[in-house]
Amino acid sequence: MSDEEKICIDWGDLEARGAKRPMPDQTPVQEPEMPSIPAGGDLDLPPLMKANRRVVGMKCSICNGGIELGQDVRNCEECKLSYHLECWMENHGCATYGCPNGPGAKEQLGAPTIQLTASDLDSPVPPPLPSHAAAPVAQPAYAGYAMAIAYAGFWRRVAAALVDGLVLALPFGLVAVLLAGVMVGDGVASIFIGICGWLYYAGMESSRLRATLGKKAVRIVVTDLQGNRISFARASGRYWCKVISALILYIGFLMAGFTRRKQALHDIAAGCLVVVEHPKQGL
C-alpha cells in the first residue's frame, strides 16, 4: 500500500464511539538476575558478578570509565572497589596502591624501615631508629639537674654555717687546749685553726659530696656556673675570699639574700653557685 492509499484514522472519534486504540508492544525488558545483597553490605559484593544498581554509576579505577548495568565486574576483597572484569584481567589485579591483590604489592610497599634479627632480640641495646625519626631531646645545659635550678637562700646557708660551726667546735677546742699546753702563742693557734678550716671547707666542697657536713644537712651543694663540681683550687679561692666578705661588715655574706642567683661576694669572686640538691638526683 502506497503512502497515498493509507487511511488516516481519527482515533478520537472512534474512542468516543467505544473503540479502543491498539497500544504498541510494551514487553518489559528483563534485567539480568542480580545476586542478593546482605543487609548493611553496600559494597560487600562477591568477587565476580554482574553490575547491579549498587555499583552502577561508579567509575572503574583502572580505565576511569563508568560501570553500567549488567556488565561483568570484579570486586576486590581487600579494598572493596569494583572494576570491569576486562580491566582487572589486563591489570593483573587491583589498581589500589599497596593492595595485596594488586600486581607487585610487596615492591610497592617497600622494605620495612626497621629490620630486627635474632641477635637484636637478645641484646639489651635497642635497634637504631629509622632515618626519619625525630632527633632526641637535648638535655638541660645545667649538668646534673633535670628540673629548674633552685638557688640556696640566705637562711638555708645560715643554718648550714651553724651546723658546720658545731661540727668544728670540738676539734678546734681540742687543738686550742693542746697548743695552749705547749705554750704556743695565740697567733700561731689562730693560723693553725685557719688552716684546718680551709682544708675542711675546700676539701669537702671539692669532693664528690660538693658540700660540707652542714651543707649536706640542709641539702645544698657548691658548683661552678655550669653545675659541675669545683676544683680544690677554686674551693680554696672561695674560702679565702670569705675574709673580704667579713671585713666589709659581713655585707659580702648578706649579698646572698638579695642577688639574683643568691650569690655571696665570695661566690661571685670564685665563680660559684650554691644550689639546692634535688633528692631524686642523688647529688
Protein backbone atom coordinates (compact mmCIF):
# COMPACT_ATOMS: atom_id res chain seq x y z
CA MET A 1 0.00 0.00 0.00
CA SER A 2 1.40 3.34 -1.05
CA ASP A 3 1.52 6.40 1.13
CA GLU A 4 -1.35 7.92 -0.90
CA GLU A 5 -3.50 4.83 -0.20
CA LYS A 6 -3.00 4.88 3.54
CA ILE A 7 -6.10 5.69 5.55
CA CYS A 8 -5.93 8.29 8.26
CA ILE A 9 -7.96 7.15 11.25
CA ASP A 10 -9.30 9.65 13.72
CA TRP A 11 -8.95 7.67 16.92
CA GLY A 12 -10.56 10.43 18.95
CA ASP A 13 -13.88 9.92 17.11
CA LEU A 14 -13.58 6.14 17.36
CA GLU A 15 -12.76 6.24 21.05
CA ALA A 16 -15.85 8.38 21.56
CA ARG A 17 -17.84 5.52 19.99
CA GLY A 18 -16.29 2.96 22.37
CA ALA A 19 -13.39 1.71 20.25
CA LYS A 20 -10.01 1.02 21.90
CA ARG A 21 -6.80 2.30 20.42
CA PRO A 22 -4.23 -0.53 19.99
CA MET A 23 -1.15 0.03 22.15
CA PRO A 24 2.40 -0.60 20.95
CA ASP A 25 4.31 -3.63 22.25
CA GLN A 26 5.45 -2.76 25.80
CA THR A 27 7.01 -6.03 26.82
CA PRO A 28 9.16 -5.19 29.90
CA VAL A 29 12.91 -5.57 29.50
CA GLN A 30 14.16 -8.40 31.63
CA GLU A 31 17.07 -7.25 33.76
CA PRO A 32 19.75 -9.80 34.46
CA GLU A 33 19.26 -11.72 37.64
CA MET A 34 21.14 -9.97 40.44
CA PRO A 35 22.73 -11.75 43.36
CA SER A 36 21.21 -10.98 46.72
CA ILE A 37 22.98 -8.34 48.80
CA PRO A 38 23.14 -8.94 52.56
CA ALA A 39 21.70 -6.24 54.78
CA GLY A 40 24.16 -3.45 55.56
CA GLY A 41 26.63 -4.57 52.86
CA ASP A 42 26.59 -1.63 50.43
CA LEU A 43 29.90 -2.55 48.83
CA ASP A 44 30.32 -6.04 50.28
CA LEU A 45 29.89 -7.59 46.83
CA PRO A 46 31.04 -11.03 45.63
CA PRO A 47 34.38 -11.05 43.76
CA LEU A 48 32.80 -11.74 40.34
CA MET A 49 29.28 -10.59 39.49
CA LYS A 50 27.02 -8.68 37.16
CA ALA A 51 26.82 -4.98 37.91
CA ASN A 52 23.64 -4.12 39.80
CA ARG A 53 22.17 -0.82 40.88
CA ARG A 54 24.54 -0.54 43.82
CA VAL A 55 27.63 -0.19 41.62
CA VAL A 56 26.09 1.41 38.53
CA GLY A 57 27.48 4.91 38.12
CA MET A 58 30.75 4.13 39.86
CA LYS A 59 33.98 4.51 37.91
CA CYS A 60 36.44 1.76 37.25
CA SER A 61 39.71 2.87 38.84
CA ILE A 62 41.73 1.31 36.01
CA CYS A 63 40.08 2.70 32.89
CA ASN A 64 38.19 5.53 34.65
CA GLY A 65 35.08 4.50 32.75
CA GLY A 66 31.63 4.21 34.27
CA ILE A 67 30.21 0.85 35.30
CA GLU A 68 26.94 0.08 33.53
CA LEU A 69 24.09 -2.20 34.49
CA GLY A 70 24.73 -5.87 33.71
CA GLN A 71 28.45 -5.55 32.96
CA ASP A 72 30.82 -8.17 34.28
CA VAL A 73 32.63 -6.63 37.22
CA ARG A 74 35.21 -7.83 39.68
CA ASN A 75 35.12 -6.69 43.32
CA CYS A 76 38.40 -6.58 45.28
CA GLU A 77 38.06 -8.46 48.56
CA GLU A 78 40.63 -6.19 50.26
CA CYS A 79 39.84 -2.58 49.30
CA LYS A 80 36.16 -3.23 48.29
CA LEU A 81 36.43 -1.38 44.95
CA SER A 82 34.71 -2.64 41.78
CA TYR A 83 36.39 -2.90 38.36
CA HIS A 84 35.45 -4.02 34.87
CA LEU A 85 36.40 -7.66 34.56
CA GLU A 86 38.45 -6.94 31.43
CA CYS A 87 40.35 -4.12 33.21
CA TRP A 88 41.04 -6.37 36.19
CA MET A 89 42.50 -9.06 33.93
CA GLU A 90 44.61 -6.59 31.92
CA ASN A 91 45.98 -5.02 35.10
CA HIS A 92 46.57 -8.46 36.67
CA GLY A 93 44.73 -7.43 39.80
CA CYS A 94 43.57 -4.47 41.83
CA ALA A 95 44.81 -0.96 40.96
CA THR A 96 44.80 0.39 44.53
CA TYR A 97 48.34 1.27 45.60
CA GLY A 98 49.67 -1.23 48.12
CA CYS A 99 46.61 -3.51 47.94
CA PRO A 100 47.60 -7.19 48.45
CA ASN A 101 45.50 -8.08 45.38
CA GLY A 102 47.46 -5.66 43.18
CA PRO A 103 50.43 -6.58 40.98
CA GLY A 104 53.79 -6.12 42.72
CA ALA A 105 52.20 -5.23 46.06
CA LYS A 106 55.36 -6.08 48.01
CA GLU A 107 57.51 -3.94 45.73
CA GLN A 108 55.09 -1.02 46.10
CA LEU A 109 55.17 -1.15 49.88
CA GLY A 110 58.96 -1.43 50.02
CA ALA A 111 61.17 -2.85 52.74
CA PRO A 112 60.40 -2.16 56.42
CA THR A 113 62.17 0.81 57.99
CA ILE A 114 63.44 -1.31 60.94
CA GLN A 115 64.77 -4.81 60.42
CA LEU A 116 65.21 -6.97 63.51
CA THR A 117 67.43 -10.03 63.76
CA ALA A 118 67.68 -12.74 66.39
CA SER A 119 70.74 -11.05 67.89
CA ASP A 120 68.79 -7.79 68.27
CA LEU A 121 66.12 -9.57 70.30
CA ASP A 122 68.73 -10.96 72.71
CA SER A 123 70.69 -7.72 73.00
CA PRO A 124 69.74 -5.14 75.68
CA VAL A 125 70.72 -2.34 73.26
CA PRO A 126 67.68 -1.22 71.21
CA PRO A 127 67.94 -1.25 67.39
CA PRO A 128 68.77 2.02 65.64
CA LEU A 129 65.94 4.41 64.90
CA PRO A 130 64.82 4.99 61.29
CA SER A 131 66.37 7.90 59.46
CA HIS A 132 63.12 9.89 59.64
CA ALA A 133 62.82 9.56 63.43
CA ALA A 134 62.76 12.71 65.47
CA ALA A 135 66.03 13.87 66.97
CA PRO A 136 66.46 13.18 70.70
CA VAL A 137 65.56 15.99 73.04
CA ALA A 138 68.59 17.94 74.22
CA GLN A 139 69.41 17.72 77.91
CA PRO A 140 69.40 20.88 80.07
CA ALA A 141 72.60 22.90 79.93
CA TYR A 142 72.97 22.74 83.72
CA ALA A 143 74.65 19.36 84.33
CA GLY A 144 73.04 17.00 86.81
CA TYR A 145 69.70 18.83 87.04
CA ALA A 146 66.68 17.71 85.03
CA MET A 147 64.46 20.30 86.69
CA ALA A 148 64.75 24.05 87.20
CA ILE A 149 67.68 25.22 89.34
CA ALA A 150 66.78 26.22 92.89
CA TYR A 151 69.37 28.53 94.41
CA ALA A 152 70.06 28.19 98.14
CA GLY A 153 68.62 31.12 100.08
CA PHE A 154 70.27 33.15 102.79
CA TRP A 155 68.68 31.44 105.81
CA ARG A 156 69.38 27.96 104.50
CA ARG A 157 73.04 28.93 104.20
CA VAL A 158 72.98 30.36 107.73
CA ALA A 159 71.65 27.03 109.00
CA ALA A 160 74.46 25.19 107.18
CA ALA A 161 77.05 27.53 108.75
CA LEU A 162 75.65 26.86 112.25
CA VAL A 163 75.87 23.09 111.74
CA ASP A 164 79.44 23.41 110.45
CA GLY A 165 80.29 25.54 113.49
CA LEU A 166 79.05 22.80 115.81
CA VAL A 167 80.96 20.16 113.85
CA LEU A 168 84.22 22.12 114.06
CA ALA A 169 83.80 23.37 117.63
CA LEU A 170 85.00 20.18 119.34
CA PRO A 171 88.16 19.54 117.26
CA PHE A 172 89.08 23.23 117.22
CA GLY A 173 88.61 23.36 121.02
CA LEU A 174 90.89 20.37 121.50
CA VAL A 175 93.52 21.92 119.22
CA ALA A 176 93.38 25.17 121.21
CA VAL A 177 93.86 23.31 124.50
CA LEU A 178 96.80 21.31 123.15
CA LEU A 179 98.50 24.39 121.73
CA ALA A 180 97.98 26.25 125.00
CA GLY A 181 99.59 23.33 126.82
CA VAL A 182 102.78 23.63 124.82
CA MET A 183 102.90 27.38 125.41
CA VAL A 184 102.19 28.39 121.82
CA GLY A 185 101.10 31.96 121.21
CA ASP A 186 97.58 32.94 120.20
CA GLY A 187 98.75 33.98 116.72
CA VAL A 188 100.14 30.54 115.96
CA ALA A 189 96.94 28.91 117.23
CA SER A 190 94.79 31.17 115.05
CA ILE A 191 96.87 30.36 111.99
CA PHE A 192 96.65 26.63 112.72
CA ILE A 193 92.88 26.81 113.19
CA GLY A 194 92.53 28.85 109.97
CA ILE A 195 94.48 26.21 108.01
CA CYS A 196 92.31 23.43 109.45
CA GLY A 197 89.16 25.35 108.47
CA TRP A 198 90.50 25.91 104.95
CA LEU A 199 91.29 22.21 104.47
CA TYR A 200 87.84 21.25 105.80
CA TYR A 201 85.80 23.63 103.61
CA ALA A 202 87.91 23.42 100.44
CA GLY A 203 88.36 19.67 100.70
CA MET A 204 84.68 18.88 101.32
CA GLU A 205 83.30 21.31 98.72
CA SER A 206 85.67 19.99 96.01
CA SER A 207 84.95 16.34 96.85
CA ARG A 208 82.24 14.16 95.34
CA LEU A 209 79.87 15.40 98.04
CA ARG A 210 80.36 19.02 96.86
CA ALA A 211 79.31 20.18 100.31
CA THR A 212 80.43 20.39 103.90
CA LEU A 213 78.59 18.39 106.56
CA GLY A 214 76.47 21.43 107.39
CA LYS A 215 75.52 22.00 103.74
CA LYS A 216 74.76 18.30 103.36
CA ALA A 217 72.43 18.51 106.37
CA VAL A 218 70.31 21.20 104.68
CA ARG A 219 70.71 19.64 101.20
CA ILE A 220 72.69 22.31 99.38
CA VAL A 221 75.84 21.90 97.28
CA VAL A 222 78.53 24.16 95.79
CA THR A 223 79.05 24.07 91.99
CA ASP A 224 80.56 26.18 89.28
CA LEU A 225 78.37 28.29 86.99
CA GLN A 226 77.69 25.27 84.73
CA GLY A 227 76.68 22.98 87.58
CA ASN A 228 79.91 20.96 87.69
CA ARG A 229 81.99 20.02 90.70
CA ILE A 230 84.57 22.67 91.54
CA SER A 231 88.29 22.03 91.85
CA PHE A 232 90.27 22.28 95.09
CA ALA A 233 91.91 25.48 93.84
CA ARG A 234 88.53 27.14 93.16
CA ALA A 235 87.20 25.97 96.51
CA SER A 236 90.32 27.42 98.21
CA GLY A 237 89.82 30.76 96.47
CA ARG A 238 86.19 30.81 97.56
CA TYR A 239 87.18 30.09 101.16
CA TRP A 240 89.82 32.84 101.42
CA CYS A 241 87.51 35.36 99.71
CA LYS A 242 85.25 34.97 102.74
CA VAL A 243 87.80 37.10 104.58
CA ILE A 244 86.88 40.01 102.29
CA SER A 245 83.17 39.31 102.81
CA ALA A 246 83.72 39.53 106.57
CA LEU A 247 85.94 42.63 106.51
CA ILE A 248 83.23 44.80 104.90
CA LEU A 249 80.93 44.36 107.91
CA TYR A 250 79.75 40.95 106.65
CA ILE A 251 77.95 42.63 103.77
CA GLY A 252 79.56 40.08 101.47
CA PHE A 253 77.63 37.32 103.26
CA LEU A 254 74.39 39.34 103.30
CA MET A 255 74.55 39.64 99.49
CA ALA A 256 73.29 36.04 99.29
CA GLY A 257 69.90 37.32 100.38
CA PHE A 258 69.23 39.75 97.53
CA THR A 259 71.39 38.87 94.49
CA ARG A 260 69.65 37.28 91.51
CA ARG A 261 71.31 33.86 91.90
CA LYS A 262 71.64 34.06 95.69
CA GLN A 263 75.41 34.55 95.46
CA ALA A 264 77.52 35.97 98.26
CA LEU A 265 80.53 38.12 97.44
CA HIS A 266 82.94 35.17 97.71
CA ASP A 267 80.67 33.14 95.39
CA ILE A 268 80.82 35.85 92.73
CA ALA A 269 84.58 36.24 93.10
CA ALA A 270 85.19 32.47 92.71
CA GLY A 271 82.53 31.91 90.00
CA CYS A 272 80.47 29.53 92.14
CA LEU A 273 76.82 28.81 92.87
CA VAL A 274 75.18 27.31 95.94
CA VAL A 275 72.11 25.36 94.83
CA VAL A 276 69.54 23.11 96.46
CA GLU A 277 70.28 19.43 95.98
CA HIS A 278 67.37 17.64 94.35
CA PRO A 279 66.52 14.50 96.34
CA LYS A 280 65.87 12.38 93.22
CA GLN A 281 69.18 13.19 91.58
CA GLY A 282 71.36 11.77 94.35
CA LEU A 283 73.80 14.66 94.10
